[in-house]
Protein backbone atom coordinates (compact mmCIF):
# COMPACT_ATOMS: atom_id res chain seq x y z
CA UNK A 1 -87.45 90.20 -220.77
CA UNK A 2 -86.01 93.11 -222.16
CA UNK A 3 -87.86 94.57 -224.98
CA UNK A 4 -86.67 98.00 -224.93
CA UNK A 5 -82.99 96.63 -225.25
CA UNK A 6 -84.13 94.23 -228.30
CA UNK A 7 -85.88 97.43 -230.23
CA UNK A 8 -82.26 98.96 -229.17
CA UNK A 9 -80.62 96.12 -231.31
CA UNK A 10 -83.14 96.28 -234.51
CA UNK A 11 -84.17 99.62 -234.81
CA UNK A 12 -86.99 100.84 -236.84
CA UNK A 13 -86.49 99.47 -239.69
CA UNK A 14 -88.49 95.81 -240.36
CA UNK A 15 -87.70 92.49 -238.66
CA UNK A 16 -88.92 88.65 -239.27
CA UNK A 17 -89.43 86.44 -236.26
CA UNK A 18 -87.48 83.21 -235.94
CA UNK A 19 -89.81 81.03 -234.48
CA UNK A 20 -89.43 77.45 -236.33
CA UNK A 21 -87.20 76.22 -239.26
CA UNK A 22 -89.94 77.72 -241.85
CA UNK A 23 -88.66 80.94 -240.35
CA UNK A 24 -85.04 80.35 -241.35
CA UNK A 25 -85.82 79.53 -244.82
CA UNK A 26 -88.25 82.84 -244.94
CA UNK A 27 -84.65 85.23 -243.85
CA UNK A 28 -82.57 82.90 -246.44
CA UNK A 29 -84.56 83.49 -249.07
CA UNK A 30 -85.00 87.53 -247.84
CA UNK A 31 -80.96 87.22 -247.71
CA UNK A 32 -81.06 86.42 -251.56
CA UNK A 33 -82.64 88.94 -252.24
CA UNK A 34 -81.25 91.98 -250.26
CA UNK A 35 -77.63 90.91 -251.58
CA UNK A 36 -79.47 91.19 -255.38
CA UNK A 37 -80.97 94.34 -255.24
CA UNK A 38 -77.40 95.53 -254.17
CA UNK A 39 -75.72 94.24 -257.14
CA UNK A 40 -73.93 90.83 -254.94
CA UNK A 41 -72.94 88.04 -257.74
CA UNK A 42 -74.38 85.29 -256.75
CA UNK A 43 -71.41 83.73 -254.86
CA UNK A 44 -71.75 86.70 -252.71
CA UNK A 45 -75.59 86.43 -252.43
CA UNK A 46 -74.72 82.45 -251.51
CA UNK A 47 -72.05 83.69 -248.40
CA UNK A 48 -74.90 85.94 -247.53
CA UNK A 49 -77.39 83.23 -247.48
CA UNK A 50 -75.31 80.97 -245.41
CA UNK A 51 -75.05 83.69 -242.70
CA UNK A 52 -78.63 84.06 -241.98
CA UNK A 53 -78.73 80.67 -241.74
CA UNK A 54 -76.11 79.79 -239.08
CA UNK A 55 -77.94 83.20 -237.38
CA UNK A 56 -81.32 81.59 -237.17
CA UNK A 57 -80.89 77.99 -236.51
CA UNK A 58 -78.44 79.93 -233.60
CA UNK A 59 -81.82 81.49 -232.60
CA UNK A 60 -83.44 77.85 -232.54
CA UNK A 61 -80.74 75.89 -230.70
CA UNK A 62 -79.77 78.85 -228.09
CA UNK A 63 -82.67 81.71 -227.33
CA UNK A 64 -85.99 82.90 -227.96
CA UNK A 65 -87.47 85.39 -229.67
CA UNK A 66 -85.04 85.51 -232.24
CA UNK A 67 -85.49 88.31 -234.79
CA UNK A 68 -83.50 89.21 -237.88
CA UNK A 69 -83.35 92.25 -239.08
CA UNK A 70 -81.29 93.47 -242.63
CA UNK A 71 -79.57 97.67 -242.47
CA UNK A 72 -78.00 98.84 -245.73
CA UNK A 73 -74.57 98.42 -244.90
CA UNK A 74 -71.87 100.56 -247.90
CA UNK A 75 -68.75 101.50 -246.91
CA UNK A 76 -66.91 103.40 -249.31
CA UNK A 77 -69.13 103.74 -252.33
CA UNK A 78 -68.99 99.03 -252.32
CA UNK A 79 -72.70 97.75 -251.57
CA UNK A 80 -73.31 95.77 -248.52
CA UNK A 81 -75.93 94.24 -245.78
CA UNK A 82 -75.55 94.46 -242.24
CA UNK A 83 -77.11 91.47 -241.00
CA UNK A 84 -78.50 91.86 -237.19
CA UNK A 85 -79.80 88.71 -235.21
CA UNK A 86 -81.46 90.04 -232.26
CA UNK A 87 -83.22 87.04 -228.93
CA UNK A 88 -84.21 86.66 -225.42
CA UNK A 89 -81.88 84.03 -224.21
CA UNK A 90 -79.23 83.21 -221.76
CA UNK A 91 -76.28 84.60 -224.24
CA UNK A 92 -72.90 83.18 -224.67
CA UNK A 93 -71.25 81.81 -221.93
CA UNK A 94 -68.21 80.32 -223.73
CA UNK A 95 -66.81 82.99 -226.36
CA UNK A 96 -63.93 80.37 -227.70
CA UNK A 97 -66.47 77.45 -227.74
CA UNK A 98 -68.77 79.50 -230.01
CA UNK A 99 -67.03 81.22 -231.62
CA UNK A 100 -64.29 77.71 -232.33
CA UNK A 101 -67.72 76.12 -233.55
CA UNK A 102 -68.02 73.74 -230.52
CA UNK A 103 -71.74 75.19 -230.52
CA UNK A 104 -72.67 72.95 -233.89
CA UNK A 105 -76.21 71.69 -233.78
CA UNK A 106 -78.81 69.47 -235.70
CA UNK A 107 -79.66 71.71 -238.84
CA UNK A 108 -76.15 73.67 -239.22
CA UNK A 109 -74.79 74.59 -242.95
CA UNK A 110 -71.97 75.70 -241.02
CA UNK A 111 -70.32 75.88 -237.75
CA UNK A 112 -72.68 78.17 -236.11
CA UNK A 113 -70.64 81.49 -234.98
CA UNK A 114 -68.39 80.44 -236.17
CA UNK A 115 -69.32 80.35 -239.76
CA UNK A 116 -70.70 83.61 -239.42
CA UNK A 117 -67.26 84.81 -238.72
CA UNK A 118 -65.80 82.69 -241.77
CA UNK A 119 -68.62 83.66 -243.86
CA UNK A 120 -68.99 87.69 -243.14
CA UNK A 121 -66.13 90.60 -243.18
CA UNK A 122 -67.63 91.56 -239.69
CA UNK A 123 -69.22 90.72 -237.21
CA UNK A 124 -70.03 92.34 -233.10
CA UNK A 125 -71.24 91.14 -230.64
CA UNK A 126 -73.25 92.36 -227.63
CA UNK A 127 -74.22 89.90 -225.01
CA UNK A 128 -75.99 90.86 -222.07
CA UNK A 129 -75.58 87.31 -219.69
CA UNK A 130 -79.48 86.17 -218.76
CA UNK A 131 -80.81 88.94 -220.85
CA UNK A 132 -80.24 88.62 -224.99
CA UNK A 133 -78.10 88.96 -227.54
CA UNK A 134 -77.23 90.58 -230.40
CA UNK A 135 -74.80 89.94 -233.52
CA UNK A 136 -74.47 91.98 -236.43
CA UNK A 137 -72.75 90.15 -239.57
CA UNK A 138 -71.53 92.69 -242.44
CA UNK A 139 -71.30 91.02 -245.44
CA UNK A 140 -69.65 92.77 -248.67
CA UNK A 141 -70.33 93.11 -252.40
CA UNK A 142 -65.93 92.97 -252.08
CA UNK A 143 -63.46 93.74 -250.34
CA UNK A 144 -63.51 97.11 -248.34
CA UNK A 145 -61.46 99.14 -245.47
CA UNK A 146 -61.45 97.13 -242.58
CA UNK A 147 -63.08 98.83 -239.71
CA UNK A 148 -62.88 97.74 -235.91
CA UNK A 149 -65.02 94.83 -234.33
CA UNK A 150 -66.49 95.24 -231.33
CA UNK A 151 -67.65 93.37 -228.42
CA UNK A 152 -69.67 93.89 -225.57
CA UNK A 153 -70.53 91.96 -222.59
CA UNK A 154 -72.25 92.15 -219.14
CA UNK A 155 -74.12 90.38 -216.28
CA UNK A 156 -75.95 91.28 -213.52
CA UNK A 157 -75.19 91.42 -210.20
CA UNK A 158 -76.16 88.19 -208.34
CA UNK A 159 -79.61 87.48 -207.75
CA UNK A 160 -80.48 90.89 -209.78
CA UNK A 161 -83.22 90.08 -212.64
CA UNK A 162 -82.13 93.66 -214.23
CA UNK A 163 -78.18 95.47 -214.69
CA UNK A 164 -77.19 98.86 -213.04
CA UNK A 165 -75.09 99.07 -216.58
CA UNK A 166 -75.62 99.26 -219.70
CA UNK A 167 -73.81 99.93 -223.04
CA UNK A 168 -74.34 101.08 -226.64
CA UNK A 169 -72.06 101.45 -229.68
CA UNK A 170 -72.63 103.10 -233.21
CA UNK A 171 -71.16 103.60 -236.37
CA UNK A 172 -71.39 107.04 -238.02
CA UNK A 173 -69.13 108.13 -241.38
CA UNK A 174 -65.75 107.07 -239.78
CA UNK A 175 -65.97 106.87 -236.49
CA UNK A 176 -66.84 103.99 -234.02
CA UNK A 177 -69.16 105.65 -231.06
CA UNK A 178 -69.29 103.21 -227.77
CA UNK A 179 -70.57 104.31 -225.13
CA UNK A 180 -70.92 102.33 -221.36
CA UNK A 181 -72.80 103.97 -218.51
CA UNK A 182 -73.09 102.98 -214.60
CA UNK A 183 -76.39 103.64 -212.71
CA UNK A 184 -75.59 104.86 -208.67
CA UNK A 185 -76.20 101.36 -207.50
CA UNK A 186 -77.71 98.19 -208.66
CA UNK A 187 -80.88 96.40 -209.84
CA UNK A 188 -83.62 98.74 -210.94
CA UNK A 189 -83.17 101.75 -209.68
CA UNK A 190 -79.53 101.81 -211.18
CA UNK A 191 -80.56 100.90 -214.01
CA UNK A 192 -83.19 103.40 -215.49
CA UNK A 193 -80.65 106.26 -215.36
CA UNK A 194 -78.18 104.44 -217.11
CA UNK A 195 -80.62 103.19 -219.36
CA UNK A 196 -81.59 106.90 -219.98
CA UNK A 197 -78.06 107.65 -220.47
CA UNK A 198 -77.99 105.49 -223.51
CA UNK A 199 -80.33 106.35 -225.17
CA UNK A 200 -78.94 109.92 -224.69
CA UNK A 201 -76.54 109.13 -226.24
CA UNK A 202 -77.91 106.54 -229.53
CA UNK A 203 -80.11 110.00 -230.33
CA UNK A 204 -77.18 111.84 -231.09
CA UNK A 205 -73.90 109.62 -232.01
CA UNK A 206 -72.38 112.99 -233.78
CA UNK A 207 -72.60 114.87 -230.78
CA UNK A 208 -69.13 115.65 -229.14
CA UNK A 209 -68.32 113.13 -226.09
CA UNK A 210 -67.96 115.86 -223.54
CA UNK A 211 -71.73 117.76 -225.06
CA UNK A 212 -73.17 114.50 -225.01
CA UNK A 213 -72.48 113.96 -221.07
CA UNK A 214 -73.46 117.50 -220.73
CA UNK A 215 -76.94 116.01 -221.80
CA UNK A 216 -76.95 113.51 -219.96
CA UNK A 217 -76.35 115.51 -217.03
CA UNK A 218 -78.78 117.25 -217.44
CA UNK A 219 -81.77 114.25 -218.92
CA UNK A 220 -80.51 112.42 -215.47
CA UNK A 221 -82.00 115.22 -213.09
CA UNK A 222 -84.25 113.42 -210.96
CA UNK A 223 -82.28 109.89 -210.98
CA UNK A 224 -80.28 108.21 -208.68
CA UNK A 225 -77.79 109.49 -211.47
CA UNK A 226 -74.84 107.24 -213.44
CA UNK A 227 -71.63 107.69 -214.20
CA UNK A 228 -70.38 107.08 -218.00
CA UNK A 229 -67.63 107.30 -220.23
CA UNK A 230 -67.88 107.97 -223.75
CA UNK A 231 -65.77 107.31 -226.98
CA UNK A 232 -65.33 108.44 -230.33
CA UNK A 233 -62.54 106.18 -232.67
CA UNK A 234 -61.79 107.80 -235.68
CA UNK A 235 -60.58 105.43 -237.99
CA UNK A 236 -59.27 107.76 -241.06
CA UNK A 237 -57.94 110.15 -238.83
CA UNK A 238 -56.21 107.23 -236.67
CA UNK A 239 -57.79 109.65 -232.62
CA UNK A 240 -59.54 108.66 -230.20
CA UNK A 241 -61.72 111.40 -228.54
CA UNK A 242 -62.67 110.71 -224.68
CA UNK A 243 -64.67 112.58 -222.04
CA UNK A 244 -65.91 110.44 -218.57
CA UNK A 245 -67.54 111.41 -215.52
CA UNK A 246 -66.88 108.90 -213.00
CA UNK A 247 -65.38 105.61 -212.11
CA UNK A 248 -66.11 104.12 -215.79
CA UNK A 249 -62.46 103.04 -217.33
CA UNK A 250 -61.55 103.49 -220.88
CA UNK A 251 -57.89 101.51 -221.57
CA UNK A 252 -55.61 101.60 -224.84
CA UNK A 253 -53.14 98.95 -225.49
CA UNK A 254 -51.31 98.36 -228.42
CA UNK A 255 -47.48 99.62 -228.87
CA UNK A 256 -47.71 101.85 -225.86
CA UNK A 257 -49.70 101.46 -223.40
CA UNK A 258 -53.18 104.38 -222.28
CA UNK A 259 -55.20 104.71 -219.46
CA UNK A 260 -57.72 107.55 -219.41
CA UNK A 261 -60.38 108.85 -216.47
CA UNK A 262 -62.67 111.36 -216.15
CA UNK A 263 -63.45 113.99 -213.11
CA UNK A 264 -65.19 112.35 -209.85
CA UNK A 265 -68.59 113.40 -210.34
CA UNK A 266 -72.34 111.99 -211.08
CA UNK A 267 -74.47 113.01 -214.13
CA UNK A 268 -77.72 113.95 -212.81
CA UNK A 269 -76.34 114.23 -209.11
CA UNK A 270 -78.59 117.77 -207.97
CA UNK A 271 -75.80 119.25 -205.66
CA UNK A 272 -73.28 120.13 -208.33
CA UNK A 273 -74.09 121.47 -212.27
CA UNK A 274 -70.88 121.75 -213.80
CA UNK A 275 -69.50 122.53 -217.37
CA UNK A 276 -69.22 119.68 -219.77
CA UNK A 277 -66.56 117.01 -218.77
CA UNK A 278 -63.20 118.01 -220.67
CA UNK A 279 -62.36 115.96 -223.67
CA UNK A 280 -58.82 114.38 -224.63
CA UNK A 281 -58.09 113.28 -227.46
CA UNK A 282 -54.20 111.24 -228.60
CA UNK A 283 -53.41 108.97 -231.72
CA UNK A 284 -54.64 105.42 -232.38
CA UNK A 285 -52.61 102.90 -234.24
CA UNK A 286 -54.61 100.44 -236.16
CA UNK A 287 -53.58 97.95 -234.28
CA UNK A 288 -54.80 99.22 -231.00
CA UNK A 289 -57.00 96.97 -228.71
CA UNK A 290 -59.65 99.68 -227.05
CA UNK A 291 -61.73 98.61 -223.62
CA UNK A 292 -64.20 100.14 -221.53
CA UNK A 293 -65.20 99.02 -217.99
CA UNK A 294 -66.78 99.01 -215.12
CA UNK A 295 -66.30 99.06 -211.13
CA UNK A 296 -67.99 95.98 -211.55
CA UNK A 297 -63.91 94.63 -212.85
CA UNK A 298 -61.13 95.34 -210.69
CA UNK A 299 -59.20 97.97 -211.09
CA UNK A 300 -56.20 97.19 -212.64
CA UNK A 301 -57.09 94.59 -215.54
CA UNK A 302 -53.64 92.70 -216.45
CA UNK A 303 -54.57 93.45 -220.11
CA UNK A 304 -50.88 92.41 -220.66
CA UNK A 305 -52.20 88.71 -219.46
CA UNK A 306 -54.60 88.85 -221.99
CA UNK A 307 -51.97 88.42 -225.01
CA UNK A 308 -53.21 84.94 -225.91
CA UNK A 309 -56.55 86.33 -226.76
CA UNK A 310 -54.69 89.21 -229.50
CA UNK A 311 -56.00 87.57 -231.96
CA UNK A 312 -58.90 86.43 -231.41
CA UNK A 313 -62.58 88.28 -231.58
CA UNK A 314 -63.05 91.21 -229.64
CA UNK A 315 -65.41 88.87 -227.60
CA UNK A 316 -63.06 85.92 -226.72
CA UNK A 317 -61.02 89.14 -224.82
CA UNK A 318 -64.46 90.00 -223.04
CA UNK A 319 -64.98 87.07 -221.62
CA UNK A 320 -61.64 86.95 -220.81
CA UNK A 321 -61.65 90.20 -218.83
CA UNK A 322 -65.03 89.79 -216.99
CA UNK A 323 -64.13 86.21 -215.86
CA UNK A 324 -60.67 86.90 -214.49
CA UNK A 325 -60.97 90.13 -213.17
CA UNK A 326 -65.64 90.60 -212.47
CA UNK A 327 -66.09 91.69 -208.54
CA UNK A 328 -69.13 89.78 -207.28
CA UNK A 329 -70.49 92.22 -206.03
CA UNK A 330 -71.63 94.57 -208.45
CA UNK A 331 -72.64 94.22 -212.55
CA UNK A 332 -70.00 94.42 -214.56
CA UNK A 333 -69.99 95.49 -218.41
CA UNK A 334 -67.13 95.09 -220.87
CA UNK A 335 -66.58 96.49 -224.45
CA UNK A 336 -63.88 95.68 -226.27
CA UNK A 337 -63.22 96.91 -229.61
CA UNK A 338 -60.58 96.09 -232.04
């Protein structure tokens, strides 16, 4: 059980445990109250309640130790609610089946995660296989300017109970922040520096990518160290700002492909303490797909071969990449933003 990951996903605000169908009724009523408090009409309140019901029933059918939390998601003056559903479980092993409604079970009011995707304006996934899953679904009072949806998909080194990879994404104003850290080695001793690196990013999401990597370099002294990439996607300006230390790869695919790499260094290594990693700033089109992946995936991904998933949720592309290019001798994690 990964309480640290659950706490990171849910944050410091109130949460409700989901352990039976009565719990689902409680969070459904809470969802309606959240919507009314923000001026949602009854149709929108009903849509929000259905999203919460589907996520709650998904906890009961497929996971354990599920929790649901509500957070404000106001955008451009339009009221919104973000529903966060986090659990400890096996994770989503067949993204296409889940997103197409194949996971429907008794008590479902729609079609599980496919219903959530249909009812909410935006849905993000963070899936750590054999560890847990977090779903973030945003419902707004009316149409809003769309922002990229995100999927994280990771798996442990075979036989290990913890991963040396860690990842996080968050939003500040118009910026989507993506971070992927890979601790040196695998297992618990690699997990600690990767988690510490993500904690630094999580605490300072507004910091420039190069600067936050410099802070992580200092924070990892005395550990095995880690490699890491940090990306800022500015939705308003249409740019991507990138910094990296080590062999975490960032690729952008759209009208023109672009891959980023960082200087060969390990954050936290005692042998050197250099300047903050350099940043790159390049244009980004609204239709471009941004992919980050650790070296648990082969360095040459066939992103062009994944065009059949171009119109699907980023989780479908993440699974295609992890299944098709993941190595069997390391932890592997991929982030997709589209």
